[in-house]
Protein backbone atom coordinates (compact mmCIF):
# COMPACT_ATOMS: atom_id res chain seq x y z
CA MET A 1 -11.77 -2.86 -46.00
CA ILE A 2 -9.13 -2.93 -49.21
CA VAL A 3 -8.06 -6.22 -50.53
CA ILE A 4 -5.49 -6.38 -53.13
CA GLY A 5 -4.57 -9.93 -54.80
CA GLY A 6 -2.60 -10.59 -57.46
CA PRO A 7 0.42 -12.85 -59.18
CA THR A 8 3.98 -12.03 -58.20
CA ALA A 9 5.98 -9.55 -59.34
CA SER A 10 2.36 -7.75 -60.42
CA GLY A 11 2.80 -4.43 -58.78
CA LYS A 12 0.46 -5.26 -56.11
CA SER A 13 2.26 -3.61 -53.38
CA ARG A 14 3.19 -0.54 -55.01
CA LEU A 15 -0.27 -0.45 -55.32
CA ALA A 16 -1.10 -0.99 -51.54
CA LEU A 17 1.95 2.22 -50.86
CA ASP A 18 0.48 4.30 -52.92
CA LEU A 19 -2.96 4.02 -51.43
CA GLY A 20 -1.74 3.64 -47.82
CA VAL A 21 -0.16 6.84 -48.38
CA ARG A 22 -2.95 8.96 -49.98
CA LEU A 23 -5.77 6.82 -47.43
CA GLY A 24 -3.17 6.97 -44.14
CA GLY A 25 -3.93 3.31 -44.24
CA THR A 26 -2.03 0.80 -42.93
CA VAL A 27 -1.06 -1.84 -45.53
CA ILE A 28 -1.06 -5.67 -43.90
CA ASN A 29 0.73 -8.52 -45.39
CA ALA A 30 -1.24 -11.36 -46.58
CA ASP A 31 1.76 -12.99 -48.54
CA SER A 32 3.34 -16.55 -46.94
CA MET A 33 6.59 -16.08 -47.34
CA GLN A 34 7.01 -12.53 -45.95
CA VAL A 35 6.09 -12.89 -42.96
CA TYR A 36 9.62 -14.71 -42.77
CA ARG A 37 12.64 -12.80 -41.22
CA GLY A 38 16.00 -13.35 -42.75
CA LEU A 39 13.81 -13.18 -46.60
CA ALA A 40 13.74 -9.73 -47.24
CA LEU A 41 15.08 -9.37 -50.57
CA LEU A 42 13.67 -12.57 -51.93
CA THR A 43 10.51 -12.46 -50.45
CA ALA A 44 10.49 -8.42 -51.73
CA GLN A 45 9.44 -7.02 -48.34
CA PRO A 46 8.99 -3.47 -48.17
CA GLY A 47 12.27 -1.57 -48.05
CA PRO A 48 13.06 1.02 -45.12
CA ASP A 49 11.57 3.88 -47.89
CA ASP A 50 8.09 2.30 -48.10
CA LEU A 51 8.59 1.99 -43.95
CA SER A 52 8.58 5.78 -43.82
CA GLN A 53 5.83 6.20 -46.40
CA ALA A 54 2.90 3.94 -44.98
CA VAL A 55 2.43 1.54 -41.74
CA HIS A 56 2.93 -1.56 -42.37
CA ARG A 57 2.23 -5.11 -40.39
CA LEU A 58 3.34 -8.41 -40.63
CA TYR A 59 6.28 -8.34 -42.20
CA GLY A 60 9.30 -10.33 -42.20
CA THR A 61 8.10 -10.94 -37.85
CA VAL A 62 8.35 -14.71 -38.17
CA PRO A 63 11.69 -16.58 -37.59
CA PRO A 64 12.35 -19.01 -41.00
CA SER A 65 12.40 -21.75 -38.03
CA LEU A 66 8.54 -21.55 -37.64
CA ARG A 67 5.96 -22.73 -39.67
CA MET A 68 3.36 -19.82 -40.25
CA SER A 69 -0.23 -22.00 -40.29
CA ALA A 70 -2.94 -19.86 -42.19
CA ALA A 71 -5.00 -20.41 -39.25
CA HIS A 72 -2.46 -18.10 -37.38
CA TRP A 73 -1.61 -15.88 -39.53
CA ARG A 74 -5.21 -15.43 -39.95
CA ASP A 75 -5.93 -14.50 -36.00
CA LEU A 76 -2.60 -12.13 -36.32
CA ALA A 77 -4.40 -10.39 -40.08
CA LEU A 78 -7.63 -10.32 -38.37
CA ALA A 79 -5.98 -8.03 -34.93
CA GLU A 80 -4.13 -5.45 -37.06
CA VAL A 81 -7.28 -5.25 -39.47
CA ARG A 82 -9.16 -4.28 -36.27
CA ALA A 83 -6.56 -2.50 -34.72
CA ALA A 84 -6.22 -0.17 -37.76
CA GLU A 85 -8.37 2.97 -39.66
CA ARG A 86 -7.97 2.10 -42.87
CA PRO A 87 -6.74 -1.59 -43.66
CA ILE A 88 -5.32 -2.62 -46.35
CA LEU A 89 -4.68 -5.95 -47.09
CA VAL A 90 -2.47 -6.89 -49.89
CA GLY A 91 -0.81 -10.40 -50.97
CA GLY A 92 -0.23 -13.09 -53.36
CA THR A 93 -1.68 -16.05 -51.37
CA GLY A 94 -4.43 -16.83 -52.23
CA LEU A 95 -5.18 -19.58 -49.09
CA TYR A 96 -4.26 -16.64 -46.51
CA LEU A 97 -7.07 -14.01 -48.60
CA ARG A 98 -9.66 -16.82 -48.62
CA THR A 99 -8.67 -17.68 -45.00
CA LEU A 100 -9.85 -14.06 -44.28
CA MET A 101 -12.27 -13.43 -45.91
CA SER A 102 -14.30 -16.59 -46.51
CA GLY A 103 -13.43 -18.59 -42.69
CA ILE A 104 -11.17 -21.24 -42.06
CA ALA A 105 -11.92 -24.69 -41.66
CA ASP A 106 -11.12 -26.21 -38.66
CA ILE A 107 -8.95 -28.82 -39.39
CA PRO A 108 -7.41 -31.12 -36.71
CA ALA A 109 -3.41 -31.12 -36.49
CA ILE A 110 -2.53 -34.15 -38.39
CA ASP A 111 0.06 -37.05 -37.09
CA GLY A 112 3.17 -36.58 -37.90
CA ALA A 113 3.64 -40.06 -39.15
CA VAL A 114 0.72 -39.12 -41.60
CA ARG A 115 2.67 -36.86 -43.09
CA ASP A 116 5.75 -38.53 -43.32
CA GLN A 117 3.74 -41.55 -44.98
CA ALA A 118 2.28 -38.84 -47.75
CA LYS A 119 5.62 -37.43 -48.39
CA ALA A 120 7.11 -41.23 -49.13
CA LEU A 121 4.41 -42.34 -50.67
CA HIS A 122 4.63 -39.01 -53.22
CA ALA A 123 8.38 -40.17 -53.85
CA ARG A 124 8.00 -43.51 -54.61
CA LEU A 125 5.09 -43.21 -56.95
CA GLY A 126 6.05 -39.67 -58.59
CA GLY A 127 3.37 -36.99 -59.29
CA PRO A 128 1.20 -38.22 -61.54
CA ALA A 129 0.58 -42.10 -59.93
CA PHE A 130 0.03 -40.18 -56.59
CA HIS A 131 -2.74 -37.74 -57.70
CA GLN A 132 -4.12 -40.80 -58.81
CA ASP A 133 -3.75 -42.00 -55.49
CA LEU A 134 -5.39 -39.66 -53.80
CA ALA A 135 -8.13 -39.35 -56.80
CA ALA A 136 -9.38 -42.85 -55.42
CA ARG A 137 -9.86 -41.15 -51.97
CA ASP A 138 -10.69 -37.52 -52.92
CA PRO A 139 -11.77 -37.18 -56.45
CA GLU A 140 -13.06 -33.58 -56.09
CA GLY A 141 -9.92 -32.78 -54.30
CA ALA A 142 -8.16 -34.49 -57.47
CA ALA A 143 -9.36 -32.93 -59.80
CA LYS A 144 -8.92 -29.29 -58.71
CA LEU A 145 -5.43 -29.96 -58.56
CA ALA A 146 -2.30 -30.70 -61.49
CA PRO A 147 0.17 -33.66 -60.96
CA GLY A 148 3.00 -31.34 -60.62
CA ASP A 149 1.25 -30.10 -57.44
CA THR A 150 3.50 -31.58 -54.78
CA GLN A 151 2.61 -29.55 -51.51
CA ARG A 152 -1.19 -29.37 -52.13
CA LEU A 153 -1.39 -33.38 -53.51
CA VAL A 154 0.39 -34.18 -49.79
CA ARG A 155 -1.78 -31.70 -47.61
CA ALA A 156 -4.82 -33.22 -49.54
CA TRP A 157 -3.73 -36.37 -48.67
CA GLU A 158 -2.98 -36.48 -45.32
CA VAL A 159 -5.77 -34.61 -44.44
CA VAL A 160 -7.83 -37.80 -46.23
CA VAL A 161 -6.22 -40.19 -44.29
CA GLY A 162 -5.45 -38.69 -41.40
CA THR A 163 -8.92 -37.15 -40.56
CA GLY A 164 -11.45 -39.03 -42.20
CA ARG A 165 -12.72 -36.69 -44.53
CA THR A 166 -11.56 -34.62 -47.69
CA LEU A 167 -9.93 -31.48 -47.86
CA GLY A 168 -13.31 -30.05 -49.43
CA ASP A 169 -15.88 -31.09 -46.53
CA TRP A 170 -13.67 -29.14 -43.77
CA GLN A 171 -13.71 -26.12 -45.92
CA ARG A 172 -17.35 -26.78 -46.75
CA THR A 173 -17.25 -25.59 -43.31
CA ALA A 174 -15.74 -22.54 -42.83
CA GLU A 175 -18.07 -20.35 -43.95
CA PHE A 176 -19.28 -20.60 -40.79
CA THR A 177 -15.89 -19.09 -39.56
CA ALA A 178 -15.76 -15.64 -41.68
CA PRO A 179 -15.64 -12.81 -39.75
CA ALA A 180 -19.52 -11.01 -40.23
CA ASP A 181 -18.19 -7.41 -39.66
CA LEU A 182 -15.93 -7.27 -42.49
CA ALA A 183 -17.06 -5.66 -45.39
CA PHE A 184 -14.04 -6.39 -48.49
CA HIS A 185 -13.35 -3.86 -51.56
CA THR A 186 -11.75 -6.87 -53.79
CA ILE A 187 -8.50 -5.45 -56.05
CA VAL A 188 -7.26 -8.23 -58.62
CA VAL A 189 -3.88 -6.71 -60.31
CA ASP A 190 -4.21 -9.02 -63.60
CA PRO A 191 -1.09 -7.30 -65.41
CA PRO A 192 -0.81 -8.88 -69.62
CA ARG A 193 1.14 -12.00 -69.23
CA ASP A 194 4.25 -11.43 -70.36
CA ARG A 195 4.53 -7.97 -68.62
CA LEU A 196 4.14 -10.07 -65.46
CA TYR A 197 6.88 -12.47 -66.75
CA ALA A 198 9.66 -9.73 -68.09
CA ASN A 199 8.58 -7.59 -64.75
CA GLY A 200 9.43 -11.26 -62.65
CA ASP A 201 12.75 -11.84 -64.22
CA ALA A 202 14.20 -8.32 -63.96
CA ARG A 203 13.09 -7.90 -60.30
CA PHE A 204 14.58 -11.58 -59.64
CA LEU A 205 18.27 -9.98 -61.15
CA ALA A 206 17.78 -6.88 -59.60
CA MET A 207 17.52 -8.83 -56.09
CA MET A 208 20.97 -10.59 -56.59
CA GLU A 209 22.47 -7.36 -57.59
CA ARG A 210 21.00 -6.45 -53.34
CA GLY A 211 22.66 -9.00 -52.26
CA ALA A 212 19.92 -12.52 -52.65
CA LEU A 213 23.06 -14.84 -52.51
CA ASP A 214 24.35 -13.75 -48.94
CA GLU A 215 20.59 -13.64 -47.98
CA VAL A 216 20.51 -17.14 -48.91
CA ARG A 217 23.94 -17.89 -47.50
CA ALA A 218 23.17 -16.51 -43.98
CA LEU A 219 19.88 -18.56 -44.07
CA LEU A 220 21.88 -21.99 -44.58
CA ASP A 221 24.27 -20.77 -42.03
CA LEU A 222 21.24 -21.40 -39.47
CA GLY A 223 20.62 -24.68 -40.67
CA LEU A 224 17.78 -24.91 -40.52
CA ASP A 225 15.27 -27.86 -41.70
CA PRO A 226 15.29 -27.62 -45.75
CA ASP A 227 11.40 -28.50 -45.31
CA LEU A 228 10.79 -24.95 -43.75
CA PRO A 229 8.34 -23.46 -45.86
CA ALA A 230 11.15 -20.22 -45.41
CA MET A 231 13.31 -22.72 -47.06
CA LYS A 232 10.81 -23.14 -50.19
CA ALA A 233 10.75 -19.67 -50.66
CA LEU A 234 11.49 -18.70 -54.44
CA GLY A 235 14.87 -18.33 -54.98
CA VAL A 236 16.59 -19.99 -51.76
CA PRO A 237 16.51 -23.62 -53.47
CA GLU A 238 18.11 -22.71 -56.58
CA LEU A 239 20.76 -20.57 -54.93
CA ALA A 240 21.40 -23.18 -52.64
CA ALA A 241 22.06 -25.54 -54.82
CA HIS A 242 24.55 -22.93 -56.46
CA LEU A 243 26.73 -22.79 -53.06
CA ALA A 244 26.44 -26.33 -52.56
CA GLY A 245 28.47 -27.35 -56.24
CA ALA A 246 25.50 -28.24 -57.54
CA LEU A 247 24.82 -25.81 -60.28
CA SER A 248 25.85 -22.51 -61.86
CA LEU A 249 25.66 -19.10 -60.79
CA GLN A 250 23.55 -18.25 -63.66
CA GLU A 251 21.98 -21.75 -63.89
CA ALA A 252 20.46 -21.10 -60.53
CA VAL A 253 19.26 -17.74 -61.54
CA ALA A 254 17.58 -18.87 -64.68
CA LEU A 255 16.12 -21.47 -62.45
CA ALA A 256 14.84 -18.81 -59.62
CA GLN A 257 13.05 -16.75 -63.08
CA ARG A 258 11.62 -19.66 -64.65
CA HIS A 259 10.11 -20.95 -61.16
CA THR A 260 8.72 -17.55 -60.52
CA ARG A 261 7.26 -17.56 -63.67
CA ASN A 262 5.30 -20.44 -63.25
CA TYR A 263 4.37 -19.54 -59.73
CA ALA A 264 2.59 -16.34 -61.24
CA LYS A 265 0.92 -18.64 -63.48
CA ARG A 266 -0.73 -20.24 -60.91
CA GLN A 267 -1.83 -17.48 -58.84
CA THR A 268 -3.40 -15.26 -62.31
CA THR A 269 -5.07 -18.65 -62.35
CA TRP A 270 -6.62 -18.87 -59.33
CA PHE A 271 -7.48 -15.16 -58.89
CA ARG A 272 -9.22 -15.40 -62.18
CA HIS A 273 -11.34 -18.60 -60.80
CA GLN A 274 -11.95 -17.58 -57.11
CA MET A 275 -11.95 -13.79 -57.62
CA PRO A 276 -14.26 -13.15 -60.24
CA GLU A 277 -16.16 -10.53 -59.10
CA ALA A 278 -12.47 -8.34 -57.82
CA ARG A 279 -11.86 -5.13 -59.43
CA ARG A 280 -9.62 -5.90 -62.39
CA VAL A 281 -6.83 -3.23 -62.59
CA ASP A 282 -3.39 -3.02 -64.78
CA PRO A 283 -1.20 -0.36 -63.14
CA GLY A 284 0.47 -0.24 -66.40
CA PHE A 285 3.76 0.71 -64.60
CA SER A 286 5.91 0.40 -67.46
CA GLN A 287 3.36 2.69 -69.66
CA THR A 288 2.55 6.31 -68.81
CA HIS A 289 2.77 8.24 -65.29
CA THR A 290 0.21 9.36 -66.13
CA GLY A 291 -2.21 6.79 -66.15
CA TYR A 292 -1.27 5.22 -63.32
CA GLU A 293 -2.30 8.59 -61.47
CA LYS A 294 -5.76 7.97 -63.08
CA LEU A 295 -5.92 5.04 -61.88
CA ILE A 296 -5.19 5.62 -58.39
CA GLU A 297 -8.07 8.60 -58.34
CA SER A 298 -10.06 6.13 -59.60
CA LEU A 299 -9.77 4.02 -56.96
CA LEU A 300 -9.61 6.39 -54.41
CA SER A 301 -12.42 7.62 -55.28
CA GLU A 302 -14.29 4.08 -55.02
CA ILE A 303 -13.07 3.81 -52.16
CA PHE A 304 -14.59 6.94 -50.53
CA ALA A 305 -18.08 6.77 -51.91
CA ILE A 306 -17.61 3.26 -49.61
CA ILE A 307 -16.33 4.78 -46.84
CA ARG A 308 -19.36 7.35 -47.48
CA LYS A 309 -22.34 4.82 -47.58
CA THR A 310 -20.36 2.86 -44.40
CA GLY A 311 -19.57 5.20 -42.17
């Protein structure tokens, strides 16, 4: 199967769509935010024109009131992969991709009291001191995380405290759950950083023009817990702050753009370190149409060669 990864605003969704059209493939979502309903604009879910050209799965299927875990997504994605004749998995959530390709650790559910304790401690200590506390409990895990990576720091802390084993220990058992019947042809979309950032800035402005503020207003009207994943999607907290009167619209847009750039940088780093063997491409959407078509033809040649070889 084809796997396409890369940072946000890199052009991976367009590449997946174009390959899906040429191959008659099914495009399957591997983005943790694009699974949520009600966030079609801010998470850049495929629009009606895209949906009319190729079959898409796992986009906008989960209510924003729920939490989609990597394990649950993996079960859904594997079912879609095995049902499709030519599946094309695409997304920027490294955890999702790794979970499907390499397996998932069977970590027990963490007691809510432990999770609350982790969040309270982080709020009291702040990122750097919380990072030091984690380092005393899980040196290996802390070394892989930045002091500002709140979500992953809290997750690592709650796992080691809640289970008595580090996240790394659990993840080393994941290889036993990897799908042995699947072979992956992995492509990482890796454009130059300046173009990536410019794409992200422009895309957010386009989202605003298409009604992103109304999308956030409708989400807020649901009265959801602000700690839910859907409420943390890029653009949601910033525009919510504007609607609450805490930021001007200009400030909210600029902040969302900055957070998007920061996220794209972290994703780029992850893909370079975690998928070094992948075929790296730069579609160069801002450049020539001919160059892009040549890239598509090159990828199709590789894919058809694999199909012939594996049957």
